Amino acid sequence: MFPVVLDLMAVGRPVPQLQSLRAGNLEIDLRQRLLLREGKEVHLSPKEFDLRVFMMRNQGALLTRGKLLHSVWDRNTGTNRSLRTYVRYLRKKIESDPPNPSTS
């Protein structure tokens, strides 16, 4: 179970917000915008971070290129090429065997 923080919306109802995400040997601290792999910090660009957060929040879901572009990029600025490039960058930074990525 993930730790939560309560944030009050304008209507006054508490809304739980995640502080961190975990998948396999990765942990993301959402407040500090940090990615840890096996407890060690991995430097990510802002776009790499946003892409990895989206992927971790949607573990197990089919993520199409269109969904990734729409959710992480402004649909008019992101391209399939930029998406492939950022996924390649992420794999190099977080996978022990980038050409054969794990499913977590």
Foldseek 3Di string as FASTA:
>chain_A
DFDWDWDQDPVGDTDTDGQWFDDDQWIAGVVVLFIAGVRHTFDDDPLLSLLVVVCRVQQPDDQDPQNSCVRRHPVVPDDPVVVVVSLLVNLVGHPPDSVDRDRD
